[in-house]
Amino acid sequence: MELLWSCLIVGFGGAVGSICRYLLGLLPVKPQNGFPLITLGINVVGAFCIGLIMALASKNPNINPYILLLLKVGFCGGFTTFSTFSLEAVGLLQNGSYFIAILYMFLSIILCISAVVGAQMLIK
């Protein structure tokens, strides 16, 4: 029964995260050079959120583990878009937009890792 409850919690969080990602994807932000700005923004915000969640959890050992499942695995897992990031990076490379592709990959890695570290530093 605990596994079923955990799966339902993760599924609910994932659904909310996915809906948020979808709605943000509808924003009319389409740079002319094809840079996937919305996906980058979503991934940076998601990285910040997961860093914040885990930093808060480390400060509060009594946090309900279901809350962590809901937010970390569910919401952040549904919200962030590594598969979309990968598809967009490959598409840019295949279209010959090498500079934009490399810039996108570099910024995604640097900004997302920085967002996690920044969120953790806020809590310390």
C-alpha atoms as a PDB file:
ATOM      1  CA  MET A   1       0.000   0.000   0.000  1.00  0.00           C
ATOM      2  CA  GLU A   2       2.892   2.374   0.739  1.00  0.00           C
ATOM      3  CA  LEU A   3       4.285   1.849  -2.779  1.00  0.00           C
ATOM      4  CA  LEU A   4       0.893   2.622  -4.308  1.00  0.00           C
ATOM      5  CA  TRP A   5       0.563   5.793  -2.210  1.00  0.00           C
ATOM      6  CA  SER A   6       4.099   6.863  -3.198  1.00  0.00           C
ATOM      7  CA  CYS A   7       3.339   6.279  -6.882  1.00  0.00           C
ATOM      8  CA  LEU A   8       0.142   8.323  -6.656  1.00  0.00           C
ATOM      9  CA  ILE A   9       1.978  11.187  -4.953  1.00  0.00           C
ATOM     10  CA  VAL A  10       4.764  11.160  -7.557  1.00  0.00           C
ATOM     11  CA  GLY A  11       2.188  10.964 -10.346  1.00  0.00           C
ATOM     12  CA  PHE A  12       0.227  13.915  -8.992  1.00  0.00           C
ATOM     13  CA  GLY A  13       3.358  16.031  -8.573  1.00  0.00           C
ATOM     14  CA  GLY A  14       4.531  15.007 -12.034  1.00  0.00           C
ATOM     15  CA  ALA A  15       1.195  15.953 -13.562  1.00  0.00           C
ATOM     16  CA  VAL A  16       1.299  19.404 -11.959  1.00  0.00           C
ATOM     17  CA  GLY A  17       4.926  19.892 -13.041  1.00  0.00           C
ATOM     18  CA  SER A  18       4.165  18.769 -16.589  1.00  0.00           C
ATOM     19  CA  ILE A  19       1.156  21.066 -16.850  1.00  0.00           C
ATOM     20  CA  CYS A  20       3.261  23.995 -15.620  1.00  0.00           C
ATOM     21  CA  ARG A  21       5.938  23.170 -18.193  1.00  0.00           C
ATOM     22  CA  TYR A  22       3.323  22.915 -20.947  1.00  0.00           C
ATOM     23  CA  LEU A  23       1.757  26.263 -20.032  1.00  0.00           C
ATOM     24  CA  LEU A  24       5.146  27.992 -19.945  1.00  0.00           C
ATOM     25  CA  GLY A  25       5.868  26.462 -23.349  1.00  0.00           C
ATOM     26  CA  LEU A  26       2.871  28.347 -24.724  1.00  0.00           C
ATOM     27  CA  LEU A  27       4.499  31.700 -23.969  1.00  0.00           C
ATOM     28  CA  PRO A  28       5.212  33.614 -27.180  1.00  0.00           C
ATOM     29  CA  VAL A  29       8.987  33.604 -26.671  1.00  0.00           C
ATOM     30  CA  LYS A  30      10.638  32.451 -29.883  1.00  0.00           C
ATOM     31  CA  PRO A  31      14.032  34.069 -30.518  1.00  0.00           C
ATOM     32  CA  GLN A  32      14.802  34.447 -34.221  1.00  0.00           C
ATOM     33  CA  ASN A  33      18.048  32.509 -33.866  1.00  0.00           C
ATOM     34  CA  GLY A  34      16.154  29.439 -32.628  1.00  0.00           C
ATOM     35  CA  PHE A  35      17.627  29.500 -29.116  1.00  0.00           C
ATOM     36  CA  PRO A  36      15.330  27.389 -26.877  1.00  0.00           C
ATOM     37  CA  LEU A  37      14.966  30.078 -24.206  1.00  0.00           C
ATOM     38  CA  ILE A  38      11.834  28.681 -22.561  1.00  0.00           C
ATOM     39  CA  THR A  39      13.314  25.200 -22.100  1.00  0.00           C
ATOM     40  CA  LEU A  40      16.486  26.700 -20.668  1.00  0.00           C
ATOM     41  CA  GLY A  41      14.447  28.827 -18.274  1.00  0.00           C
ATOM     42  CA  ILE A  42      12.335  25.876 -17.181  1.00  0.00           C
ATOM     43  CA  ASN A  43      15.400  23.761 -16.500  1.00  0.00           C
ATOM     44  CA  VAL A  44      17.147  26.524 -14.525  1.00  0.00           C
ATOM     45  CA  VAL A  45      14.026  27.185 -12.431  1.00  0.00           C
ATOM     46  CA  GLY A  46      13.563  23.439 -11.901  1.00  0.00           C
ATOM     47  CA  ALA A  47      17.191  23.048 -10.859  1.00  0.00           C
ATOM     48  CA  PHE A  48      16.796  25.937  -8.417  1.00  0.00           C
ATOM     49  CA  CYS A  49      13.614  24.367  -7.019  1.00  0.00           C
ATOM     50  CA  ILE A  50      15.181  20.958  -6.474  1.00  0.00           C
ATOM     51  CA  GLY A  51      18.219  22.566  -4.845  1.00  0.00           C
ATOM     52  CA  LEU A  52      15.954  24.580  -2.561  1.00  0.00           C
ATOM     53  CA  ILE A  53      13.823  21.554  -1.686  1.00  0.00           C
ATOM     54  CA  MET A  54      16.812  19.420  -0.772  1.00  0.00           C
ATOM     55  CA  ALA A  55      18.511  22.211   1.181  1.00  0.00           C
ATOM     56  CA  LEU A  56      15.331  22.780   3.178  1.00  0.00           C
ATOM     57  CA  ALA A  57      14.980  19.037   3.730  1.00  0.00           C
ATOM     58  CA  SER A  58      18.527  18.834   5.075  1.00  0.00           C
ATOM     59  CA  LYS A  59      17.666  21.583   7.593  1.00  0.00           C
ATOM     60  CA  ASN A  60      14.419  19.883   8.603  1.00  0.00           C
ATOM     61  CA  PRO A  61      14.935  16.142   9.162  1.00  0.00           C
ATOM     62  CA  ASN A  62      11.290  15.784  10.248  1.00  0.00           C
ATOM     63  CA  ILE A  63       9.918  16.735   6.840  1.00  0.00           C
ATOM     64  CA  ASN A  64       7.363  14.262   5.599  1.00  0.00           C
ATOM     65  CA  PRO A  65       9.020  11.971   3.021  1.00  0.00           C
ATOM     66  CA  TYR A  66       5.841  12.109   0.937  1.00  0.00           C
ATOM     67  CA  ILE A  67       6.291  15.876   0.595  1.00  0.00           C
ATOM     68  CA  LEU A  68       9.790  15.249  -0.769  1.00  0.00           C
ATOM     69  CA  LEU A  69       8.427  12.677  -3.222  1.00  0.00           C
ATOM     70  CA  LEU A  70       5.705  15.081  -4.324  1.00  0.00           C
ATOM     71  CA  LEU A  71       8.055  18.016  -4.878  1.00  0.00           C
ATOM     72  CA  LYS A  72      11.413  16.491  -5.835  1.00  0.00           C
ATOM     73  CA  VAL A  73      10.537  13.411  -7.853  1.00  0.00           C
ATOM     74  CA  GLY A  74       7.027  14.426  -8.895  1.00  0.00           C
ATOM     75  CA  PHE A  75       6.900  18.158  -9.562  1.00  0.00           C
ATOM     76  CA  CYS A  76      10.562  18.745 -10.462  1.00  0.00           C
ATOM     77  CA  GLY A  77      10.689  15.536 -12.495  1.00  0.00           C
ATOM     78  CA  GLY A  78       7.603  16.543 -14.470  1.00  0.00           C
ATOM     79  CA  PHE A  79       8.618  20.183 -14.773  1.00  0.00           C
ATOM     80  CA  THR A  80      12.198  19.888 -15.970  1.00  0.00           C
ATOM     81  CA  THR A  81      12.895  18.800 -19.495  1.00  0.00           C
ATOM     82  CA  PHE A  82      16.118  16.931 -20.068  1.00  0.00           C
ATOM     83  CA  SER A  83      14.623  14.957 -22.940  1.00  0.00           C
ATOM     84  CA  THR A  84      13.380  18.169 -24.571  1.00  0.00           C
ATOM     85  CA  PHE A  85      16.777  19.790 -23.966  1.00  0.00           C
ATOM     86  CA  SER A  86      18.465  16.854 -25.701  1.00  0.00           C
ATOM     87  CA  LEU A  87      16.057  16.901 -28.646  1.00  0.00           C
ATOM     88  CA  GLU A  88      16.434  20.654 -29.132  1.00  0.00           C
ATOM     89  CA  ALA A  89      20.236  20.477 -28.916  1.00  0.00           C
ATOM     90  CA  VAL A  90      20.351  17.716 -31.538  1.00  0.00           C
ATOM     91  CA  GLY A  91      17.922  19.665 -33.740  1.00  0.00           C
ATOM     92  CA  LEU A  92      20.131  22.751 -33.594  1.00  0.00           C
ATOM     93  CA  LEU A  93      23.184  20.658 -34.507  1.00  0.00           C
ATOM     94  CA  GLN A  94      21.358  18.955 -37.378  1.00  0.00           C
ATOM     95  CA  ASN A  95      20.264  22.364 -38.700  1.00  0.00           C
ATOM     96  CA  GLY A  96      23.853  23.583 -38.700  1.00  0.00           C
ATOM     97  CA  SER A  97      23.304  26.038 -35.835  1.00  0.00           C
ATOM     98  CA  TYR A  98      26.489  24.891 -34.126  1.00  0.00           C
ATOM     99  CA  PHE A  99      27.191  28.035 -32.131  1.00  0.00           C
ATOM    100  CA  ILE A 100      23.615  28.240 -30.803  1.00  0.00           C
ATOM    101  CA  ALA A 101      23.673  24.508 -29.967  1.00  0.00           C
ATOM    102  CA  ILE A 102      26.949  24.745 -28.057  1.00  0.00           C
ATOM    103  CA  LEU A 103      25.821  27.919 -26.290  1.00  0.00           C
ATOM    104  CA  TYR A 104      22.542  26.239 -25.308  1.00  0.00           C
ATOM    105  CA  MET A 105      24.271  23.115 -23.979  1.00  0.00           C
ATOM    106  CA  PHE A 106      26.877  25.151 -22.097  1.00  0.00           C
ATOM    107  CA  LEU A 107      24.335  27.528 -20.547  1.00  0.00           C
ATOM    108  CA  SER A 108      21.998  24.677 -19.619  1.00  0.00           C
ATOM    109  CA  ILE A 109      24.702  22.848 -17.700  1.00  0.00           C
ATOM    110  CA  ILE A 110      26.296  25.903 -16.065  1.00  0.00           C
ATOM    111  CA  LEU A 111      23.062  27.690 -15.157  1.00  0.00           C
ATOM    112  CA  CYS A 112      21.271  24.587 -13.857  1.00  0.00           C
ATOM    113  CA  ILE A 113      24.185  23.531 -11.659  1.00  0.00           C
ATOM    114  CA  SER A 114      24.575  27.133 -10.479  1.00  0.00           C
ATOM    115  CA  ALA A 115      20.860  27.262  -9.657  1.00  0.00           C
ATOM    116  CA  VAL A 116      21.125  24.161  -7.445  1.00  0.00           C
ATOM    117  CA  VAL A 117      24.191  25.545  -5.651  1.00  0.00           C
ATOM    118  CA  GLY A 118      22.596  28.987  -5.317  1.00  0.00           C
ATOM    119  CA  ALA A 119      19.437  27.541  -3.808  1.00  0.00           C
ATOM    120  CA  GLN A 120      21.456  25.504  -1.328  1.00  0.00           C
ATOM    121  CA  MET A 121      23.495  28.575  -0.361  1.00  0.00           C
ATOM    122  CA  LEU A 122      20.290  30.512   0.352  1.00  0.00           C
ATOM    123  CA  ILE A 123      19.322  27.965   2.968  1.00  0.00           C
ATOM    124  CA  LYS A 124      22.735  27.717   4.669  1.00  0.00           C
END
